[in-house]
Amino acid sequence: METYTPDSLFSGSFPVATGSVTIAAGADLVRGAVLGKITADGKYALSAIAASDGSETPVAILLEDAAAASEDVVAPVAFTGQFNPAALTFGTDHDADTVWDDLRSRGIFLKEVVSA
């Protein structure tokens, strides 16, 4: 039996719109990865500033680990929601500041989790 272990990926109650997307082969990704969409084939990859295939623009958050090192995989993502930036994985040269505007314009908001 699996055990539920809460994490701090979500940081608020903003509505979460989810879907399934194809993660392009090339790297295993973890829950919380910030993804961009590759224009040519519609697949998703870890968003990195230096990319020039469309994936440089962040558009979604990966909701489950995706073992895509050797082949494309279908995985669930969030297209909207409120997320803890400390729980996200960013591609090369991206951080919470560089993705802020692109994600916000798509209904993905970043807010740190405050402990009581």
C-alpha atoms as a PDB file:
ATOM      1  CA  MET A   1       0.000   0.000   0.000  1.00  0.00           C
ATOM      2  CA  GLU A   2       1.280   3.464  -0.881  1.00  0.00           C
ATOM      3  CA  THR A   3       1.652   6.050   1.832  1.00  0.00           C
ATOM      4  CA  TYR A   4       0.615   9.646   1.294  1.00  0.00           C
ATOM      5  CA  THR A   5       3.427  12.052   2.071  1.00  0.00           C
ATOM      6  CA  PRO A   6       2.407  15.693   1.765  1.00  0.00           C
ATOM      7  CA  ASP A   7       4.804  18.114   0.164  1.00  0.00           C
ATOM      8  CA  SER A   8       4.807  21.851  -0.189  1.00  0.00           C
ATOM      9  CA  LEU A   9       4.317  22.109  -3.963  1.00  0.00           C
ATOM     10  CA  PHE A  10       0.967  23.861  -3.651  1.00  0.00           C
ATOM     11  CA  SER A  11       0.895  27.092  -1.663  1.00  0.00           C
ATOM     12  CA  GLY A  12      -2.701  28.224  -1.899  1.00  0.00           C
ATOM     13  CA  SER A  13      -6.218  27.479  -2.984  1.00  0.00           C
ATOM     14  CA  PHE A  14      -6.208  29.073  -6.446  1.00  0.00           C
ATOM     15  CA  PRO A  15      -8.060  26.666  -8.787  1.00  0.00           C
ATOM     16  CA  VAL A  16      -5.834  24.077 -10.431  1.00  0.00           C
ATOM     17  CA  ALA A  17      -6.520  23.168 -14.059  1.00  0.00           C
ATOM     18  CA  THR A  18      -4.768  19.945 -14.995  1.00  0.00           C
ATOM     19  CA  GLY A  19      -4.127  17.933 -18.105  1.00  0.00           C
ATOM     20  CA  SER A  20      -1.881  15.244 -19.508  1.00  0.00           C
ATOM     21  CA  VAL A  21       0.976  16.145 -21.833  1.00  0.00           C
ATOM     22  CA  THR A  22       3.807  14.334 -23.566  1.00  0.00           C
ATOM     23  CA  ILE A  23       7.203  14.940 -21.979  1.00  0.00           C
ATOM     24  CA  ALA A  24       9.944  14.839 -24.623  1.00  0.00           C
ATOM     25  CA  ALA A  25      12.617  12.180 -24.201  1.00  0.00           C
ATOM     26  CA  GLY A  26      15.944  13.432 -22.912  1.00  0.00           C
ATOM     27  CA  ALA A  27      15.786  13.752 -19.133  1.00  0.00           C
ATOM     28  CA  ASP A  28      14.019  12.346 -16.111  1.00  0.00           C
ATOM     29  CA  LEU A  29      11.990  15.134 -14.505  1.00  0.00           C
ATOM     30  CA  VAL A  30      10.664  15.440 -10.965  1.00  0.00           C
ATOM     31  CA  ARG A  31       7.358  16.665  -9.596  1.00  0.00           C
ATOM     32  CA  GLY A  32       7.442  20.456  -9.584  1.00  0.00           C
ATOM     33  CA  ALA A  33       9.483  20.838 -12.773  1.00  0.00           C
ATOM     34  CA  VAL A  34       8.670  24.045 -14.648  1.00  0.00           C
ATOM     35  CA  LEU A  35       7.878  23.056 -18.229  1.00  0.00           C
ATOM     36  CA  GLY A  36       7.844  24.786 -21.594  1.00  0.00           C
ATOM     37  CA  LYS A  37       6.109  23.602 -24.758  1.00  0.00           C
ATOM     38  CA  ILE A  38       8.186  22.733 -27.826  1.00  0.00           C
ATOM     39  CA  THR A  39       6.585  24.539 -30.749  1.00  0.00           C
ATOM     40  CA  ALA A  40       7.459  22.029 -33.496  1.00  0.00           C
ATOM     41  CA  ASP A  41       5.939  18.908 -31.949  1.00  0.00           C
ATOM     42  CA  GLY A  42       3.813  20.102 -29.009  1.00  0.00           C
ATOM     43  CA  LYS A  43       5.799  18.078 -26.483  1.00  0.00           C
ATOM     44  CA  TYR A  44       6.949  19.541 -23.167  1.00  0.00           C
ATOM     45  CA  ALA A  45      10.442  19.842 -21.673  1.00  0.00           C
ATOM     46  CA  LEU A  46      12.118  21.480 -18.703  1.00  0.00           C
ATOM     47  CA  SER A  47      12.030  25.191 -19.528  1.00  0.00           C
ATOM     48  CA  ALA A  48      15.514  26.686 -19.977  1.00  0.00           C
ATOM     49  CA  ILE A  49      16.359  30.246 -20.983  1.00  0.00           C
ATOM     50  CA  ALA A  50      18.825  29.187 -23.706  1.00  0.00           C
ATOM     51  CA  ALA A  51      16.306  26.962 -25.503  1.00  0.00           C
ATOM     52  CA  SER A  52      15.073  28.294 -28.830  1.00  0.00           C
ATOM     53  CA  ASP A  53      12.378  25.726 -29.595  1.00  0.00           C
ATOM     54  CA  GLY A  54       9.537  27.350 -27.648  1.00  0.00           C
ATOM     55  CA  SER A  55      10.277  25.544 -24.395  1.00  0.00           C
ATOM     56  CA  GLU A  56      12.177  28.576 -23.105  1.00  0.00           C
ATOM     57  CA  THR A  57       8.782  30.036 -22.130  1.00  0.00           C
ATOM     58  CA  PRO A  58       7.384  28.326 -19.003  1.00  0.00           C
ATOM     59  CA  VAL A  59       3.752  27.230 -19.326  1.00  0.00           C
ATOM     60  CA  ALA A  60       3.057  24.362 -16.903  1.00  0.00           C
ATOM     61  CA  ILE A  61       4.110  22.603 -13.689  1.00  0.00           C
ATOM     62  CA  LEU A  62       4.784  18.849 -13.656  1.00  0.00           C
ATOM     63  CA  LEU A  63       2.603  17.080 -11.064  1.00  0.00           C
ATOM     64  CA  GLU A  64       4.334  13.669 -10.968  1.00  0.00           C
ATOM     65  CA  ASP A  65       7.857  12.440 -11.615  1.00  0.00           C
ATOM     66  CA  ALA A  66       8.388  11.611 -15.306  1.00  0.00           C
ATOM     67  CA  ALA A  67      10.990   9.023 -16.360  1.00  0.00           C
ATOM     68  CA  ALA A  68      11.653  10.505 -19.794  1.00  0.00           C
ATOM     69  CA  ALA A  69      15.412   9.948 -20.080  1.00  0.00           C
ATOM     70  CA  SER A  70      15.126   7.448 -22.927  1.00  0.00           C
ATOM     71  CA  GLU A  71      11.599   7.847 -24.284  1.00  0.00           C
ATOM     72  CA  ASP A  72       8.657  10.223 -24.388  1.00  0.00           C
ATOM     73  CA  VAL A  73       6.188   9.779 -21.522  1.00  0.00           C
ATOM     74  CA  VAL A  74       2.711  11.096 -20.816  1.00  0.00           C
ATOM     75  CA  ALA A  75       2.473  12.887 -17.470  1.00  0.00           C
ATOM     76  CA  PRO A  76       0.021  15.098 -15.567  1.00  0.00           C
ATOM     77  CA  VAL A  77       0.651  18.833 -15.379  1.00  0.00           C
ATOM     78  CA  ALA A  78      -0.990  21.915 -13.924  1.00  0.00           C
ATOM     79  CA  PHE A  79      -1.833  24.789 -16.252  1.00  0.00           C
ATOM     80  CA  THR A  80      -3.089  26.985 -13.405  1.00  0.00           C
ATOM     81  CA  GLY A  81      -2.651  27.079  -9.647  1.00  0.00           C
ATOM     82  CA  GLN A  82      -0.648  28.582  -6.819  1.00  0.00           C
ATOM     83  CA  PHE A  83       2.755  27.008  -6.196  1.00  0.00           C
ATOM     84  CA  ASN A  84       5.619  27.288  -3.738  1.00  0.00           C
ATOM     85  CA  PRO A  85       8.689  28.475  -5.688  1.00  0.00           C
ATOM     86  CA  ALA A  86      10.980  26.620  -3.254  1.00  0.00           C
ATOM     87  CA  ALA A  87       9.369  23.335  -4.353  1.00  0.00           C
ATOM     88  CA  LEU A  88       9.856  23.942  -8.075  1.00  0.00           C
ATOM     89  CA  THR A  89      12.659  22.687 -10.311  1.00  0.00           C
ATOM     90  CA  PHE A  90      13.900  25.228 -12.826  1.00  0.00           C
ATOM     91  CA  GLY A  91      15.826  24.669 -16.045  1.00  0.00           C
ATOM     92  CA  THR A  92      19.198  26.244 -16.772  1.00  0.00           C
ATOM     93  CA  ASP A  93      19.309  29.959 -15.944  1.00  0.00           C
ATOM     94  CA  HIS A  94      15.651  30.067 -14.886  1.00  0.00           C
ATOM     95  CA  ASP A  95      14.540  30.848 -11.343  1.00  0.00           C
ATOM     96  CA  ALA A  96      11.363  32.143  -9.712  1.00  0.00           C
ATOM     97  CA  ASP A  97      12.115  35.675 -10.905  1.00  0.00           C
ATOM     98  CA  THR A  98      12.697  34.770 -14.563  1.00  0.00           C
ATOM     99  CA  VAL A  99       9.522  32.676 -14.860  1.00  0.00           C
ATOM    100  CA  TRP A 100       7.268  34.933 -12.749  1.00  0.00           C
ATOM    101  CA  ASP A 101       5.671  37.013 -15.534  1.00  0.00           C
ATOM    102  CA  ASP A 102       5.187  34.168 -18.025  1.00  0.00           C
ATOM    103  CA  LEU A 103       3.590  31.902 -15.426  1.00  0.00           C
ATOM    104  CA  ARG A 104       1.449  34.677 -13.956  1.00  0.00           C
ATOM    105  CA  SER A 105       0.037  35.529 -17.390  1.00  0.00           C
ATOM    106  CA  ARG A 106      -1.132  31.904 -17.643  1.00  0.00           C
ATOM    107  CA  GLY A 107      -2.765  31.707 -14.222  1.00  0.00           C
ATOM    108  CA  ILE A 108       0.153  30.081 -12.429  1.00  0.00           C
ATOM    109  CA  PHE A 109       1.060  32.040  -9.320  1.00  0.00           C
ATOM    110  CA  LEU A 110       4.154  31.667  -7.138  1.00  0.00           C
ATOM    111  CA  LYS A 111       3.887  32.272  -3.414  1.00  0.00           C
ATOM    112  CA  GLU A 112       6.226  31.120  -0.685  1.00  0.00           C
ATOM    113  CA  VAL A 113       4.838  28.886   2.030  1.00  0.00           C
ATOM    114  CA  VAL A 114       4.818  30.638   5.394  1.00  0.00           C
ATOM    115  CA  SER A 115       5.162  28.428   8.459  1.00  0.00           C
ATOM    116  CA  ALA A 116       2.998  29.153  11.480  1.00  0.00           C
END
